[in-house]
Amino acid sequence: MEHPEHESPLTRALKAFQGHVSSVGPAAAAGYGLVGAIVVLGAIGYALDARYGTSPALAVAGLLLGVAVGLYQLAKTLWRR
């Protein structure tokens, strides 16, 4: 294993990149959770609208519920820090 003072520039750059990626991990997970909740609950609402002919009531309700759930997950992630 190389000593830190003898590391190549590529090794130092990769270590710095790894540090940056690990620091933004929680924010990325929160963003994916927000988008995922909106998409999944909106799709469920859309499917229920198609089944029961209530368009667009359940799709809108699903989207609003998705936003609420996603923001809740985002807040939990931010307050945990």
PDB file of N, CA and C in Angstrom:
ATOM      1  N   MET A   1       0.847  -1.183   0.000  1.00  0.00           N
ATOM      2  CA  MET A   1       0.000   0.000   0.000  1.00  0.00           C
ATOM      3  C   MET A   1       0.892   1.246   0.000  1.00  0.00           C
ATOM      4  N   GLU A   2       0.495   2.225  -0.766  1.00  0.00           N
ATOM      5  CA  GLU A   2       1.289   3.440  -0.877  1.00  0.00           C
ATOM      6  C   GLU A   2       1.103   4.317   0.355  1.00  0.00           C
ATOM      7  N   HIS A   3       2.138   5.066   0.684  1.00  0.00           N
ATOM      8  CA  HIS A   3       2.040   6.033   1.768  1.00  0.00           C
ATOM      9  C   HIS A   3       1.287   7.257   1.246  1.00  0.00           C
ATOM     10  N   PRO A   4       0.561   7.965   2.137  1.00  0.00           N
ATOM     11  CA  PRO A   4      -0.224   9.120   1.676  1.00  0.00           C
ATOM     12  C   PRO A   4       0.592  10.159   0.925  1.00  0.00           C
ATOM     13  N   GLU A   5       1.856  10.355   1.309  1.00  0.00           N
ATOM     14  CA  GLU A   5       2.649  11.368   0.614  1.00  0.00           C
ATOM     15  C   GLU A   5       3.097  10.909  -0.762  1.00  0.00           C
ATOM     16  N   HIS A   6       2.967   9.602  -1.044  1.00  0.00           N
ATOM     17  CA  HIS A   6       3.367   9.068  -2.344  1.00  0.00           C
ATOM     18  C   HIS A   6       2.165   8.649  -3.201  1.00  0.00           C
ATOM     19  N   GLU A   7       0.975   9.089  -2.842  1.00  0.00           N
ATOM     20  CA  GLU A   7      -0.210   8.722  -3.621  1.00  0.00           C
ATOM     21  C   GLU A   7      -0.188   9.433  -4.965  1.00  0.00           C
ATOM     22  N   SER A   8      -0.699   8.760  -5.944  1.00  0.00           N
ATOM     23  CA  SER A   8      -0.780   9.376  -7.266  1.00  0.00           C
ATOM     24  C   SER A   8      -1.906  10.411  -7.269  1.00  0.00           C
ATOM     25  N   PRO A   9      -1.857  11.348  -8.192  1.00  0.00           N
ATOM     26  CA  PRO A   9      -2.934  12.332  -8.287  1.00  0.00           C
ATOM     27  C   PRO A   9      -4.300  11.679  -8.529  1.00  0.00           C
ATOM     28  N   LEU A  10      -4.306  10.585  -9.279  1.00  0.00           N
ATOM     29  CA  LEU A  10      -5.566   9.888  -9.532  1.00  0.00           C
ATOM     30  C   LEU A  10      -6.133   9.312  -8.240  1.00  0.00           C
ATOM     31  N   THR A  11      -5.289   8.734  -7.407  1.00  0.00           N
ATOM     32  CA  THR A  11      -5.741   8.173  -6.135  1.00  0.00           C
ATOM     33  C   THR A  11      -6.297   9.264  -5.236  1.00  0.00           C
ATOM     34  N   ARG A  12      -5.618  10.398  -5.165  1.00  0.00           N
ATOM     35  CA  ARG A  12      -6.111  11.511  -4.346  1.00  0.00           C
ATOM     36  C   ARG A  12      -7.435  12.033  -4.880  1.00  0.00           C
ATOM     37  N   ALA A  13      -7.566  12.127  -6.191  1.00  0.00           N
ATOM     38  CA  ALA A  13      -8.808  12.610  -6.792  1.00  0.00           C
ATOM     39  C   ALA A  13      -9.958  11.648  -6.520  1.00  0.00           C
ATOM     40  N   LEU A  14      -9.689  10.354  -6.628  1.00  0.00           N
ATOM     41  CA  LEU A  14     -10.744   9.372  -6.369  1.00  0.00           C
ATOM     42  C   LEU A  14     -11.171   9.374  -4.909  1.00  0.00           C
ATOM     43  N   LYS A  15     -10.236   9.553  -3.996  1.00  0.00           N
ATOM     44  CA  LYS A  15     -10.586   9.633  -2.575  1.00  0.00           C
ATOM     45  C   LYS A  15     -11.419  10.880  -2.293  1.00  0.00           C
ATOM     46  N   ALA A  16     -11.068  11.999  -2.912  1.00  0.00           N
ATOM     47  CA  ALA A  16     -11.845  13.224  -2.737  1.00  0.00           C
ATOM     48  C   ALA A  16     -13.246  13.053  -3.302  1.00  0.00           C
ATOM     49  N   PHE A  17     -13.351  12.423  -4.467  1.00  0.00           N
ATOM     50  CA  PHE A  17     -14.658  12.175  -5.076  1.00  0.00           C
ATOM     51  C   PHE A  17     -15.503  11.278  -4.181  1.00  0.00           C
ATOM     52  N   GLN A  18     -14.902  10.252  -3.613  1.00  0.00           N
ATOM     53  CA  GLN A  18     -15.618   9.344  -2.717  1.00  0.00           C
ATOM     54  C   GLN A  18     -16.139  10.097  -1.491  1.00  0.00           C
ATOM     55  N   GLY A  19     -15.355  11.014  -0.968  1.00  0.00           N
ATOM     56  CA  GLY A  19     -15.794  11.821   0.171  1.00  0.00           C
ATOM     57  C   GLY A  19     -16.982  12.693  -0.176  1.00  0.00           C
ATOM     58  N   HIS A  20     -16.970  13.289  -1.370  1.00  0.00           N
ATOM     59  CA  HIS A  20     -18.087  14.128  -1.797  1.00  0.00           C
ATOM     60  C   HIS A  20     -19.350  13.302  -2.009  1.00  0.00           C
ATOM     61  N   VAL A  21     -19.210  12.149  -2.627  1.00  0.00           N
ATOM     62  CA  VAL A  21     -20.370  11.295  -2.888  1.00  0.00           C
ATOM     63  C   VAL A  21     -20.990  10.822  -1.582  1.00  0.00           C
ATOM     64  N   SER A  22     -20.173  10.436  -0.622  1.00  0.00           N
ATOM     65  CA  SER A  22     -20.723   9.956   0.646  1.00  0.00           C
ATOM     66  C   SER A  22     -21.383  11.078   1.434  1.00  0.00           C
ATOM     67  N   SER A  23     -20.958  12.316   1.237  1.00  0.00           N
ATOM     68  CA  SER A  23     -21.572  13.427   1.964  1.00  0.00           C
ATOM     69  C   SER A  23     -22.924  13.829   1.382  1.00  0.00           C
ATOM     70  N   VAL A  24     -23.172  13.567   0.109  1.00  0.00           N
ATOM     71  CA  VAL A  24     -24.462  13.928  -0.485  1.00  0.00           C
ATOM     72  C   VAL A  24     -25.435  12.754  -0.520  1.00  0.00           C
ATOM     73  N   GLY A  25     -25.034  11.618  -0.012  1.00  0.00           N
ATOM     74  CA  GLY A  25     -25.886  10.431  -0.023  1.00  0.00           C
ATOM     75  C   GLY A  25     -27.247  10.632   0.620  1.00  0.00           C
ATOM     76  N   PRO A  26     -27.320  11.181   1.841  1.00  0.00           N
ATOM     77  CA  PRO A  26     -28.630  11.376   2.466  1.00  0.00           C
ATOM     78  C   PRO A  26     -29.542  12.314   1.675  1.00  0.00           C
ATOM     79  N   ALA A  27     -28.979  13.353   1.082  1.00  0.00           N
ATOM     80  CA  ALA A  27     -29.796  14.272   0.291  1.00  0.00           C
ATOM     81  C   ALA A  27     -30.336  13.584  -0.956  1.00  0.00           C
ATOM     82  N   ALA A  28     -29.516  12.778  -1.592  1.00  0.00           N
ATOM     83  CA  ALA A  28     -29.971  12.050  -2.777  1.00  0.00           C
ATOM     84  C   ALA A  28     -31.065  11.060  -2.411  1.00  0.00           C
ATOM     85  N   ALA A  29     -30.906  10.365  -1.306  1.00  0.00           N
ATOM     86  CA  ALA A  29     -31.926   9.406  -0.871  1.00  0.00           C
ATOM     87  C   ALA A  29     -33.238  10.113  -0.568  1.00  0.00           C
ATOM     88  N   ALA A  30     -33.167  11.283   0.049  1.00  0.00           N
ATOM     89  CA  ALA A  30     -34.383  12.036   0.345  1.00  0.00           C
ATOM     90  C   ALA A  30     -35.071  12.485  -0.942  1.00  0.00           C
ATOM     91  N   GLY A  31     -34.292  12.911  -1.916  1.00  0.00           N
ATOM     92  CA  GLY A  31     -34.868  13.315  -3.204  1.00  0.00           C
ATOM     93  C   GLY A  31     -35.525  12.162  -3.929  1.00  0.00           C
ATOM     94  N   TYR A  32     -34.868  10.993  -3.907  1.00  0.00           N
ATOM     95  CA  TYR A  32     -35.459   9.815  -4.540  1.00  0.00           C
ATOM     96  C   TYR A  32     -36.733   9.400  -3.815  1.00  0.00           C
ATOM     97  N   GLY A  33     -36.748   9.522  -2.503  1.00  0.00           N
ATOM     98  CA  GLY A  33     -37.946   9.181  -1.735  1.00  0.00           C
ATOM     99  C   GLY A  33     -39.108  10.096  -2.068  1.00  0.00           C
ATOM    100  N   LEU A  34     -38.827  11.381  -2.234  1.00  0.00           N
ATOM    101  CA  LEU A  34     -39.871  12.347  -2.586  1.00  0.00           C
ATOM    102  C   LEU A  34     -40.453  12.035  -3.957  1.00  0.00           C
ATOM    103  N   VAL A  35     -39.590  11.861  -4.936  1.00  0.00           N
ATOM    104  CA  VAL A  35     -40.049  11.568  -6.297  1.00  0.00           C
ATOM    105  C   VAL A  35     -40.756  10.218  -6.350  1.00  0.00           C
ATOM    106  N   GLY A  36     -40.201   9.234  -5.664  1.00  0.00           N
ATOM    107  CA  GLY A  36     -40.800   7.898  -5.663  1.00  0.00           C
ATOM    108  C   GLY A  36     -42.197   7.886  -5.074  1.00  0.00           C
ATOM    109  N   ALA A  37     -42.391   8.598  -3.968  1.00  0.00           N
ATOM    110  CA  ALA A  37     -43.712   8.645  -3.343  1.00  0.00           C
ATOM    111  C   ALA A  37     -44.727   9.301  -4.274  1.00  0.00           C
ATOM    112  N   ILE A  38     -44.335  10.374  -4.930  1.00  0.00           N
ATOM    113  CA  ILE A  38     -45.252  11.065  -5.837  1.00  0.00           C
ATOM    114  C   ILE A  38     -45.615  10.167  -7.014  1.00  0.00           C
ATOM    115  N   VAL A  39     -44.621   9.519  -7.605  1.00  0.00           N
ATOM    116  CA  VAL A  39     -44.869   8.673  -8.775  1.00  0.00           C
ATOM    117  C   VAL A  39     -45.727   7.462  -8.407  1.00  0.00           C
ATOM    118  N   VAL A  40     -45.362   6.775  -7.331  1.00  0.00           N
ATOM    119  CA  VAL A  40     -46.086   5.549  -6.963  1.00  0.00           C
ATOM    120  C   VAL A  40     -47.519   5.858  -6.561  1.00  0.00           C
ATOM    121  N   LEU A  41     -47.719   6.831  -5.686  1.00  0.00           N
ATOM    122  CA  LEU A  41     -49.083   7.125  -5.245  1.00  0.00           C
ATOM    123  C   LEU A  41     -49.912   7.773  -6.353  1.00  0.00           C
ATOM    124  N   GLY A  42     -49.279   8.558  -7.209  1.00  0.00           N
ATOM    125  CA  GLY A  42     -49.994   9.095  -8.366  1.00  0.00           C
ATOM    126  C   GLY A  42     -50.425   7.999  -9.321  1.00  0.00           C
ATOM    127  N   ALA A  43     -49.562   7.004  -9.533  1.00  0.00           N
ATOM    128  CA  ALA A  43     -49.904   5.878 -10.411  1.00  0.00           C
ATOM    129  C   ALA A  43     -51.022   5.033  -9.816  1.00  0.00           C
ATOM    130  N   ILE A  44     -50.995   4.845  -8.507  1.00  0.00           N
ATOM    131  CA  ILE A  44     -52.084   4.095  -7.860  1.00  0.00           C
ATOM    132  C   ILE A  44     -53.396   4.844  -8.024  1.00  0.00           C
ATOM    133  N   GLY A  45     -53.372   6.160  -7.826  1.00  0.00           N
ATOM    134  CA  GLY A  45     -54.581   6.961  -8.023  1.00  0.00           C
ATOM    135  C   GLY A  45     -55.075   6.905  -9.460  1.00  0.00           C
ATOM    136  N   TYR A  46     -54.152   6.948 -10.406  1.00  0.00           N
ATOM    137  CA  TYR A  46     -54.521   6.858 -11.821  1.00  0.00           C
ATOM    138  C   TYR A  46     -55.159   5.506 -12.138  1.00  0.00           C
ATOM    139  N   ALA A  47     -54.571   4.438 -11.605  1.00  0.00           N
ATOM    140  CA  ALA A  47     -55.118   3.098 -11.846  1.00  0.00           C
ATOM    141  C   ALA A  47     -56.508   2.954 -11.233  1.00  0.00           C
ATOM    142  N   LEU A  48     -56.694   3.505 -10.046  1.00  0.00           N
ATOM    143  CA  LEU A  48     -58.019   3.441  -9.422  1.00  0.00           C
ATOM    144  C   LEU A  48     -59.032   4.275 -10.202  1.00  0.00           C
ATOM    145  N   ASP A  49     -58.595   5.415 -10.735  1.00  0.00           N
ATOM    146  CA  ASP A  49     -59.476   6.218 -11.592  1.00  0.00           C
ATOM    147  C   ASP A  49     -59.899   5.432 -12.823  1.00  0.00           C
ATOM    148  N   ALA A  50     -58.966   4.743 -13.436  1.00  0.00           N
ATOM    149  CA  ALA A  50     -59.281   3.957 -14.634  1.00  0.00           C
ATOM    150  C   ALA A  50     -60.258   2.832 -14.299  1.00  0.00           C
ATOM    151  N   ARG A  51     -60.092   2.247 -13.138  1.00  0.00           N
ATOM    152  CA  ARG A  51     -60.955   1.129 -12.742  1.00  0.00           C
ATOM    153  C   ARG A  51     -62.370   1.593 -12.401  1.00  0.00           C
ATOM    154  N   TYR A  52     -62.480   2.694 -11.658  1.00  0.00           N
ATOM    155  CA  TYR A  52     -63.791   3.129 -11.164  1.00  0.00           C
ATOM    156  C   TYR A  52     -64.388   4.292 -11.951  1.00  0.00           C
ATOM    157  N   GLY A  53     -63.689   4.817 -12.929  1.00  0.00           N
ATOM    158  CA  GLY A  53     -64.219   5.891 -13.765  1.00  0.00           C
ATOM    159  C   GLY A  53     -64.402   7.205 -13.027  1.00  0.00           C
ATOM    160  N   THR A  54     -63.551   7.501 -12.093  1.00  0.00           N
ATOM    161  CA  THR A  54     -63.674   8.726 -11.304  1.00  0.00           C
ATOM    162  C   THR A  54     -62.648   9.784 -11.706  1.00  0.00           C
ATOM    163  N   SER A  55     -62.136   9.693 -12.916  1.00  0.00           N
ATOM    164  CA  SER A  55     -61.056  10.554 -13.368  1.00  0.00           C
ATOM    165  C   SER A  55     -61.415  12.021 -13.214  1.00  0.00           C
ATOM    166  N   PRO A  56     -60.563  12.855 -12.767  1.00  0.00           N
ATOM    167  CA  PRO A  56     -59.204  12.710 -12.253  1.00  0.00           C
ATOM    168  C   PRO A  56     -59.126  12.754 -10.728  1.00  0.00           C
ATOM    169  N   ALA A  57     -60.210  12.531 -10.047  1.00  0.00           N
ATOM    170  CA  ALA A  57     -60.258  12.733  -8.592  1.00  0.00           C
ATOM    171  C   ALA A  57     -59.219  11.900  -7.843  1.00  0.00           C
ATOM    172  N   LEU A  58     -59.165  10.611  -8.104  1.00  0.00           N
ATOM    173  CA  LEU A  58     -58.252   9.759  -7.347  1.00  0.00           C
ATOM    174  C   LEU A  58     -56.798   9.962  -7.766  1.00  0.00           C
ATOM    175  N   ALA A  59     -56.578  10.320  -9.020  1.00  0.00           N
ATOM    176  CA  ALA A  59     -55.206  10.609  -9.453  1.00  0.00           C
ATOM    177  C   ALA A  59     -54.682  11.853  -8.739  1.00  0.00           C
ATOM    178  N   VAL A  60     -55.509  12.874  -8.646  1.00  0.00           N
ATOM    179  CA  VAL A  60     -55.109  14.096  -7.940  1.00  0.00           C
ATOM    180  C   VAL A  60     -54.905  13.802  -6.457  1.00  0.00           C
ATOM    181  N   ALA A  61     -55.809  13.026  -5.876  1.00  0.00           N
ATOM    182  CA  ALA A  61     -55.658  12.660  -4.466  1.00  0.00           C
ATOM    183  C   ALA A  61     -54.369  11.863  -4.252  1.00  0.00           C
ATOM    184  N   GLY A  62     -54.063  10.959  -5.163  1.00  0.00           N
ATOM    185  CA  GLY A  62     -52.827  10.188  -5.062  1.00  0.00           C
ATOM    186  C   GLY A  62     -51.596  11.066  -5.166  1.00  0.00           C
ATOM    187  N   LEU A  63     -51.632  12.020  -6.086  1.00  0.00           N
ATOM    188  CA  LEU A  63     -50.500  12.942  -6.223  1.00  0.00           C
ATOM    189  C   LEU A  63     -50.318  13.796  -4.969  1.00  0.00           C
ATOM    190  N   LEU A  64     -51.418  14.308  -4.436  1.00  0.00           N
ATOM    191  CA  LEU A  64     -51.322  15.122  -3.223  1.00  0.00           C
ATOM    192  C   LEU A  64     -50.827  14.301  -2.037  1.00  0.00           C
ATOM    193  N   LEU A  65     -51.317  13.080  -1.922  1.00  0.00           N
ATOM    194  CA  LEU A  65     -50.844  12.200  -0.860  1.00  0.00           C
ATOM    195  C   LEU A  65     -49.361  11.874  -1.059  1.00  0.00           C
ATOM    196  N   GLY A  66     -48.959  11.678  -2.308  1.00  0.00           N
ATOM    197  CA  GLY A  66     -47.555  11.426  -2.609  1.00  0.00           C
ATOM    198  C   GLY A  66     -46.665  12.591  -2.216  1.00  0.00           C
ATOM    199  N   VAL A  67     -47.118  13.801  -2.480  1.00  0.00           N
ATOM    200  CA  VAL A  67     -46.350  14.987  -2.081  1.00  0.00           C
ATOM    201  C   VAL A  67     -46.236  15.047  -0.561  1.00  0.00           C
ATOM    202  N   ALA A  68     -47.350  14.790   0.134  1.00  0.00           N
ATOM    203  CA  ALA A  68     -47.325  14.832   1.600  1.00  0.00           C
ATOM    204  C   ALA A  68     -46.385  13.774   2.174  1.00  0.00           C
ATOM    205  N   VAL A  69     -46.482  12.555   1.672  1.00  0.00           N
ATOM    206  CA  VAL A  69     -45.620  11.476   2.164  1.00  0.00           C
ATOM    207  C   VAL A  69     -44.159  11.766   1.826  1.00  0.00           C
ATOM    208  N   GLY A  70     -43.906  12.235   0.619  1.00  0.00           N
ATOM    209  CA  GLY A  70     -42.537  12.547   0.217  1.00  0.00           C
ATOM    210  C   GLY A  70     -41.925  13.666   1.037  1.00  0.00           C
ATOM    211  N   LEU A  71     -42.706  14.708   1.312  1.00  0.00           N
ATOM    212  CA  LEU A  71     -42.196  15.804   2.132  1.00  0.00           C
ATOM    213  C   LEU A  71     -41.958  15.354   3.571  1.00  0.00           C
ATOM    214  N   TYR A  72     -42.809  14.458   4.061  1.00  0.00           N
ATOM    215  CA  TYR A  72     -42.602  13.906   5.398  1.00  0.00           C
ATOM    216  C   TYR A  72     -41.285  13.137   5.456  1.00  0.00           C
ATOM    217  N   GLN A  73     -41.036  12.314   4.448  1.00  0.00           N
ATOM    218  CA  GLN A  73     -39.777  11.567   4.402  1.00  0.00           C
ATOM    219  C   GLN A  73     -38.578  12.515   4.290  1.00  0.00           C
ATOM    220  N   LEU A  74     -38.727  13.562   3.499  1.00  0.00           N
ATOM    221  CA  LEU A  74     -37.663  14.554   3.348  1.00  0.00           C
ATOM    222  C   LEU A  74     -37.384  15.247   4.676  1.00  0.00           C
ATOM    223  N   ALA A  75     -38.441  15.634   5.381  1.00  0.00           N
ATOM    224  CA  ALA A  75     -38.275  16.294   6.678  1.00  0.00           C
ATOM    225  C   ALA A  75     -37.610  15.365   7.684  1.00  0.00           C
ATOM    226  N   LYS A  76     -38.000  14.094   7.684  1.00  0.00           N
ATOM    227  CA  LYS A  76     -37.365  13.137   8.594  1.00  0.00           C
ATOM    228  C   LYS A  76     -35.870  13.038   8.322  1.00  0.00           C
ATOM    229  N   THR A  77     -35.509  13.025   7.059  1.00  0.00           N
ATOM    230  CA  THR A  77     -34.092  12.927   6.696  1.00  0.00           C
ATOM    231  C   THR A  77     -33.331  14.180   7.122  1.00  0.00           C
ATOM    232  N   LEU A  78     -33.920  15.342   6.904  1.00  0.00           N
ATOM    233  CA  LEU A  78     -33.234  16.587   7.242  1.00  0.00           C
ATOM    234  C   LEU A  78     -33.126  16.792   8.743  1.00  0.00           C
ATOM    235  N   TRP A  79     -34.162  16.436   9.496  1.00  0.00           N
ATOM    236  CA  TRP A  79     -34.138  16.639  10.945  1.00  0.00           C
ATOM    237  C   TRP A  79     -33.257  15.623  11.645  1.00  0.00           C
ATOM    238  N   ARG A  80     -32.974  14.503  10.986  1.00  0.00           N
ATOM    239  CA  ARG A  80     -32.123  13.475  11.574  1.00  0.00           C
ATOM    240  C   ARG A  80     -30.677  13.947  11.657  1.00  0.00           C
ATOM    241  N   ARG A  81     -30.276  14.842  10.783  1.00  0.00           N
ATOM    242  CA  ARG A  81     -28.883  15.310  10.742  1.00  0.00           C
ATOM    243  C   ARG A  81     -28.572  16.085  11.940  1.00  0.00           C
TER     244      ARG A  81
END
